[in-house]
């Protein structure tokens, strides 16, 4: 292999690693957001875990940057929780940082 080929392979490996890391962080954030919302809706235990799994699946199955925020806000409003979309988005930002710390600590 030439030096160029080595550099190209290294770049591809780094790109793949970074994408995998971002995916894991997003999935962790989604789970944490699902558990947070479940708590606000009065769900606990197995119900909360099942709801968090649904939220993770929504992010995987629905394209777009606001799919999780919209789903969480809709579910919270349907359960009578008075919360703004901005507050949900702000909490998701906080949970993204928490998820990043947790994944990087693994």
N, C-alpha and C. Protein backbone atom coordinates (compact mmCIF):
# COMPACT_ATOMS: atom_id res chain seq x y z
N UNK A 1 0.84 -1.19 0.00
CA UNK A 1 0.00 0.00 0.00
C UNK A 1 0.88 1.25 0.00
N UNK A 2 0.37 2.25 -0.62
CA UNK A 2 1.08 3.52 -0.63
C UNK A 2 0.69 4.33 0.59
N UNK A 3 1.41 5.39 0.80
CA UNK A 3 1.10 6.27 1.93
C UNK A 3 -0.30 6.86 1.77
N UNK A 4 -0.66 7.19 0.54
CA UNK A 4 -2.00 7.73 0.29
C UNK A 4 -3.07 6.71 0.67
N UNK A 5 -2.87 5.45 0.30
CA UNK A 5 -3.83 4.40 0.65
C UNK A 5 -3.93 4.23 2.15
N UNK A 6 -2.79 4.29 2.83
CA UNK A 6 -2.80 4.18 4.30
C UNK A 6 -3.59 5.32 4.93
N UNK A 7 -3.37 6.53 4.43
CA UNK A 7 -4.08 7.69 4.97
C UNK A 7 -5.57 7.60 4.69
N UNK A 8 -5.91 7.13 3.49
CA UNK A 8 -7.33 6.99 3.14
C UNK A 8 -8.00 5.97 4.06
N UNK A 9 -7.34 4.85 4.29
CA UNK A 9 -7.89 3.81 5.17
C UNK A 9 -8.05 4.33 6.60
N UNK A 10 -7.05 5.08 7.07
CA UNK A 10 -7.12 5.65 8.42
C UNK A 10 -8.28 6.63 8.53
N UNK A 11 -8.48 7.45 7.49
CA UNK A 11 -9.58 8.40 7.49
C UNK A 11 -10.92 7.66 7.52
N UNK A 12 -11.04 6.62 6.71
CA UNK A 12 -12.28 5.84 6.69
C UNK A 12 -12.55 5.19 8.04
N UNK A 13 -11.51 4.67 8.67
CA UNK A 13 -11.67 4.06 10.00
C UNK A 13 -12.10 5.08 11.03
N UNK A 14 -11.50 6.27 11.00
CA UNK A 14 -11.87 7.32 11.95
C UNK A 14 -13.32 7.76 11.70
N UNK A 15 -13.68 7.93 10.45
CA UNK A 15 -15.05 8.32 10.13
C UNK A 15 -16.04 7.29 10.66
N UNK A 16 -15.77 6.02 10.44
CA UNK A 16 -16.65 4.95 10.92
C UNK A 16 -16.75 4.96 12.44
N UNK A 17 -15.62 5.15 13.11
CA UNK A 17 -15.60 5.20 14.58
C UNK A 17 -16.43 6.38 15.08
N UNK A 18 -16.24 7.55 14.47
CA UNK A 18 -16.97 8.75 14.89
C UNK A 18 -18.48 8.58 14.68
N UNK A 19 -18.87 8.00 13.55
CA UNK A 19 -20.29 7.79 13.28
C UNK A 19 -20.89 6.80 14.29
N UNK A 20 -20.16 5.76 14.61
CA UNK A 20 -20.63 4.79 15.60
C UNK A 20 -20.79 5.45 16.97
N UNK A 21 -19.83 6.27 17.32
CA UNK A 21 -19.89 6.98 18.60
C UNK A 21 -21.09 7.92 18.66
N UNK A 22 -21.32 8.68 17.59
CA UNK A 22 -22.47 9.58 17.55
C UNK A 22 -23.78 8.82 17.64
N UNK A 23 -23.87 7.68 16.98
CA UNK A 23 -25.07 6.86 17.04
C UNK A 23 -25.33 6.38 18.47
N UNK A 24 -24.29 5.89 19.12
CA UNK A 24 -24.44 5.41 20.50
C UNK A 24 -24.85 6.54 21.44
N UNK A 25 -24.28 7.72 21.24
CA UNK A 25 -24.64 8.87 22.08
C UNK A 25 -26.10 9.26 21.87
N UNK A 26 -26.54 9.30 20.61
CA UNK A 26 -27.95 9.64 20.34
C UNK A 26 -28.89 8.61 20.93
N UNK A 27 -28.57 7.35 20.82
CA UNK A 27 -29.44 6.31 21.38
C UNK A 27 -29.50 6.41 22.90
N UNK A 28 -28.37 6.71 23.53
CA UNK A 28 -28.36 6.89 24.98
C UNK A 28 -29.19 8.12 25.36
N UNK A 29 -29.03 9.22 24.61
CA UNK A 29 -29.83 10.41 24.88
C UNK A 29 -31.32 10.12 24.75
N UNK A 30 -31.68 9.37 23.72
CA UNK A 30 -33.09 9.05 23.51
C UNK A 30 -33.65 8.23 24.67
N UNK A 31 -32.86 7.28 25.15
CA UNK A 31 -33.31 6.47 26.29
C UNK A 31 -33.47 7.34 27.53
N UNK A 32 -32.48 8.20 27.78
CA UNK A 32 -32.56 9.08 28.94
C UNK A 32 -33.75 10.03 28.82
N UNK A 33 -34.01 10.54 27.63
CA UNK A 33 -35.16 11.43 27.41
C UNK A 33 -36.46 10.68 27.63
N UNK A 34 -36.52 9.44 27.17
CA UNK A 34 -37.71 8.63 27.39
C UNK A 34 -37.97 8.38 28.86
N UNK A 35 -36.92 8.09 29.60
CA UNK A 35 -37.06 7.87 31.04
C UNK A 35 -37.47 9.16 31.76
N UNK A 36 -36.91 10.28 31.33
CA UNK A 36 -37.27 11.59 31.91
C UNK A 36 -38.75 11.87 31.69
N UNK A 37 -39.19 11.70 30.44
CA UNK A 37 -40.60 11.96 30.12
C UNK A 37 -41.52 10.98 30.84
N UNK A 38 -41.10 9.73 30.92
CA UNK A 38 -41.90 8.73 31.62
C UNK A 38 -42.11 9.13 33.08
N UNK A 39 -41.06 9.65 33.70
CA UNK A 39 -41.18 10.12 35.08
C UNK A 39 -42.18 11.25 35.22
N UNK A 40 -42.16 12.18 34.26
CA UNK A 40 -43.12 13.30 34.29
C UNK A 40 -44.55 12.82 34.09
N UNK A 41 -44.70 11.71 33.34
CA UNK A 41 -46.04 11.18 33.08
C UNK A 41 -46.50 10.22 34.16
N UNK A 42 -45.67 9.99 35.17
CA UNK A 42 -46.05 9.11 36.26
C UNK A 42 -45.82 7.64 35.98
N UNK A 43 -45.04 7.33 34.96
CA UNK A 43 -44.73 5.92 34.66
C UNK A 43 -43.49 5.51 35.45
N UNK A 44 -43.46 4.28 35.85
CA UNK A 44 -42.30 3.79 36.58
C UNK A 44 -41.98 2.36 36.20
N UNK A 45 -40.82 1.90 36.61
CA UNK A 45 -40.43 0.52 36.41
C UNK A 45 -40.44 0.07 34.97
N UNK A 46 -41.13 -1.05 34.74
CA UNK A 46 -41.17 -1.66 33.40
C UNK A 46 -41.88 -0.76 32.40
N UNK A 47 -42.90 -0.02 32.86
CA UNK A 47 -43.61 0.89 31.95
C UNK A 47 -42.67 1.99 31.44
N UNK A 48 -41.87 2.52 32.35
CA UNK A 48 -40.93 3.58 31.97
C UNK A 48 -39.88 3.04 31.00
N UNK A 49 -39.36 1.85 31.27
CA UNK A 49 -38.37 1.24 30.37
C UNK A 49 -38.97 0.98 28.99
N UNK A 50 -40.21 0.50 28.95
CA UNK A 50 -40.87 0.23 27.67
C UNK A 50 -41.09 1.53 26.90
N UNK A 51 -41.47 2.58 27.59
CA UNK A 51 -41.65 3.86 26.93
C UNK A 51 -40.32 4.38 26.38
N UNK A 52 -39.25 4.25 27.15
CA UNK A 52 -37.93 4.69 26.70
C UNK A 52 -37.51 3.92 25.45
N UNK A 53 -37.80 2.62 25.39
CA UNK A 53 -37.48 1.83 24.19
C UNK A 53 -38.27 2.33 22.99
N UNK A 54 -39.52 2.71 23.21
CA UNK A 54 -40.33 3.26 22.11
C UNK A 54 -39.71 4.55 21.57
N UNK A 55 -39.21 5.38 22.46
CA UNK A 55 -38.60 6.64 22.05
C UNK A 55 -37.35 6.37 21.22
N UNK A 56 -36.55 5.42 21.63
CA UNK A 56 -35.35 5.05 20.86
C UNK A 56 -35.77 4.57 19.47
N UNK A 57 -36.81 3.75 19.40
CA UNK A 57 -37.27 3.23 18.11
C UNK A 57 -37.81 4.34 17.22
N UNK A 58 -38.43 5.36 17.80
CA UNK A 58 -38.94 6.49 17.02
C UNK A 58 -37.77 7.19 16.33
N UNK A 59 -36.67 7.39 17.06
CA UNK A 59 -35.53 8.08 16.47
C UNK A 59 -34.91 7.27 15.34
N UNK A 60 -34.88 5.97 15.50
CA UNK A 60 -34.32 5.11 14.46
C UNK A 60 -35.23 5.09 13.24
N UNK A 61 -36.52 5.06 13.44
CA UNK A 61 -37.45 4.89 12.35
C UNK A 61 -37.97 6.15 11.69
N UNK A 62 -37.72 7.31 12.28
CA UNK A 62 -38.27 8.56 11.75
C UNK A 62 -37.15 9.52 11.41
N UNK A 63 -37.09 9.97 10.16
CA UNK A 63 -36.05 10.94 9.80
C UNK A 63 -36.39 12.33 10.32
N UNK A 64 -35.36 13.11 10.53
CA UNK A 64 -35.58 14.49 10.94
C UNK A 64 -34.99 14.78 12.31
N UNK A 65 -34.59 16.02 12.53
CA UNK A 65 -33.92 16.37 13.78
C UNK A 65 -34.85 16.57 14.97
N UNK A 66 -36.14 16.77 14.73
CA UNK A 66 -37.05 17.09 15.84
C UNK A 66 -38.05 15.99 16.13
N UNK A 67 -37.84 14.81 15.60
CA UNK A 67 -38.80 13.73 15.77
C UNK A 67 -38.98 13.35 17.24
N UNK A 68 -37.91 13.28 17.97
CA UNK A 68 -37.98 12.89 19.38
C UNK A 68 -38.65 14.00 20.20
N UNK A 69 -38.21 15.24 19.98
CA UNK A 69 -38.80 16.36 20.72
C UNK A 69 -40.31 16.42 20.48
N UNK A 70 -40.71 16.28 19.23
CA UNK A 70 -42.14 16.35 18.91
C UNK A 70 -42.92 15.21 19.56
N UNK A 71 -42.35 14.02 19.53
CA UNK A 71 -43.02 12.87 20.14
C UNK A 71 -43.13 13.04 21.65
N UNK A 72 -42.04 13.44 22.29
CA UNK A 72 -42.08 13.63 23.73
C UNK A 72 -43.10 14.70 24.12
N UNK A 73 -43.06 15.83 23.42
CA UNK A 73 -44.00 16.92 23.73
C UNK A 73 -45.44 16.46 23.53
N UNK A 74 -45.71 15.76 22.44
CA UNK A 74 -47.08 15.28 22.18
C UNK A 74 -47.53 14.31 23.27
N UNK A 75 -46.66 13.38 23.65
CA UNK A 75 -47.02 12.42 24.70
C UNK A 75 -47.23 13.10 26.04
N UNK A 76 -46.37 14.05 26.37
CA UNK A 76 -46.52 14.77 27.64
C UNK A 76 -47.81 15.58 27.65
N UNK A 77 -48.11 16.26 26.56
CA UNK A 77 -49.35 17.04 26.50
C UNK A 77 -50.57 16.13 26.57
N UNK A 78 -50.50 14.97 25.93
CA UNK A 78 -51.62 14.02 25.95
C UNK A 78 -51.88 13.52 27.37
N UNK A 79 -50.84 13.45 28.19
CA UNK A 79 -50.99 13.01 29.58
C UNK A 79 -51.29 14.16 30.53
N UNK A 80 -51.47 15.36 29.98
CA UNK A 80 -51.83 16.50 30.81
C UNK A 80 -50.66 17.20 31.47
N UNK A 81 -49.44 16.91 31.03
CA UNK A 81 -48.26 17.58 31.59
C UNK A 81 -48.11 18.92 30.89
N UNK A 82 -48.08 20.00 31.66
CA UNK A 82 -47.95 21.34 31.09
C UNK A 82 -46.47 21.64 30.92
N UNK A 83 -46.00 21.52 29.67
CA UNK A 83 -44.58 21.73 29.38
C UNK A 83 -44.46 22.28 27.97
N UNK A 84 -43.52 23.18 27.79
CA UNK A 84 -43.33 23.78 26.46
C UNK A 84 -42.36 22.93 25.63
N UNK A 85 -42.47 23.08 24.31
CA UNK A 85 -41.53 22.40 23.41
C UNK A 85 -40.11 22.86 23.70
N UNK A 86 -39.96 24.14 24.03
CA UNK A 86 -38.63 24.68 24.34
C UNK A 86 -38.03 23.98 25.56
N UNK A 87 -38.83 23.74 26.57
CA UNK A 87 -38.32 23.05 27.77
C UNK A 87 -37.92 21.62 27.44
N UNK A 88 -38.70 20.96 26.59
CA UNK A 88 -38.36 19.59 26.18
C UNK A 88 -37.04 19.61 25.42
N UNK A 89 -36.89 20.55 24.51
CA UNK A 89 -35.66 20.65 23.72
C UNK A 89 -34.46 20.98 24.61
N UNK A 90 -34.66 21.86 25.57
CA UNK A 90 -33.57 22.21 26.50
C UNK A 90 -33.16 21.00 27.32
N UNK A 91 -34.12 20.23 27.78
CA UNK A 91 -33.81 19.02 28.55
C UNK A 91 -33.07 18.01 27.68
N UNK A 92 -33.47 17.90 26.42
CA UNK A 92 -32.79 16.98 25.51
C UNK A 92 -31.34 17.41 25.28
N UNK A 93 -31.09 18.72 25.24
CA UNK A 93 -29.71 19.21 25.13
C UNK A 93 -28.88 18.81 26.34
N UNK A 94 -29.48 18.95 27.50
CA UNK A 94 -28.80 18.55 28.74
C UNK A 94 -28.54 17.04 28.73
N UNK A 95 -29.53 16.27 28.31
CA UNK A 95 -29.38 14.82 28.28
C UNK A 95 -28.38 14.37 27.22
N UNK A 96 -28.24 15.14 26.14
CA UNK A 96 -27.23 14.82 25.13
C UNK A 96 -25.84 14.92 25.73
N UNK A 97 -25.60 15.97 26.51
CA UNK A 97 -24.29 16.10 27.18
C UNK A 97 -24.07 14.97 28.17
N UNK A 98 -25.09 14.63 28.93
CA UNK A 98 -24.99 13.52 29.88
C UNK A 98 -24.69 12.22 29.16
N UNK A 99 -25.40 11.98 28.05
CA UNK A 99 -25.18 10.76 27.25
C UNK A 99 -23.76 10.72 26.71
N UNK A 100 -23.25 11.88 26.24
CA UNK A 100 -21.89 11.94 25.72
C UNK A 100 -20.89 11.57 26.81
N UNK A 101 -21.09 12.09 28.01
CA UNK A 101 -20.20 11.77 29.13
C UNK A 101 -20.26 10.28 29.46
N UNK A 102 -21.46 9.72 29.49
CA UNK A 102 -21.61 8.31 29.83
C UNK A 102 -20.97 7.40 28.78
N UNK A 103 -21.19 7.70 27.52
CA UNK A 103 -20.63 6.87 26.45
C UNK A 103 -19.11 6.98 26.42
N UNK A 104 -18.60 8.19 26.61
CA UNK A 104 -17.15 8.36 26.62
C UNK A 104 -16.49 7.70 27.81
N UNK A 105 -17.24 7.52 28.91
CA UNK A 105 -16.70 6.88 30.11
C UNK A 105 -16.67 5.36 29.99
N UNK A 106 -17.37 4.81 29.01
CA UNK A 106 -17.43 3.35 28.87
C UNK A 106 -16.11 2.79 28.37
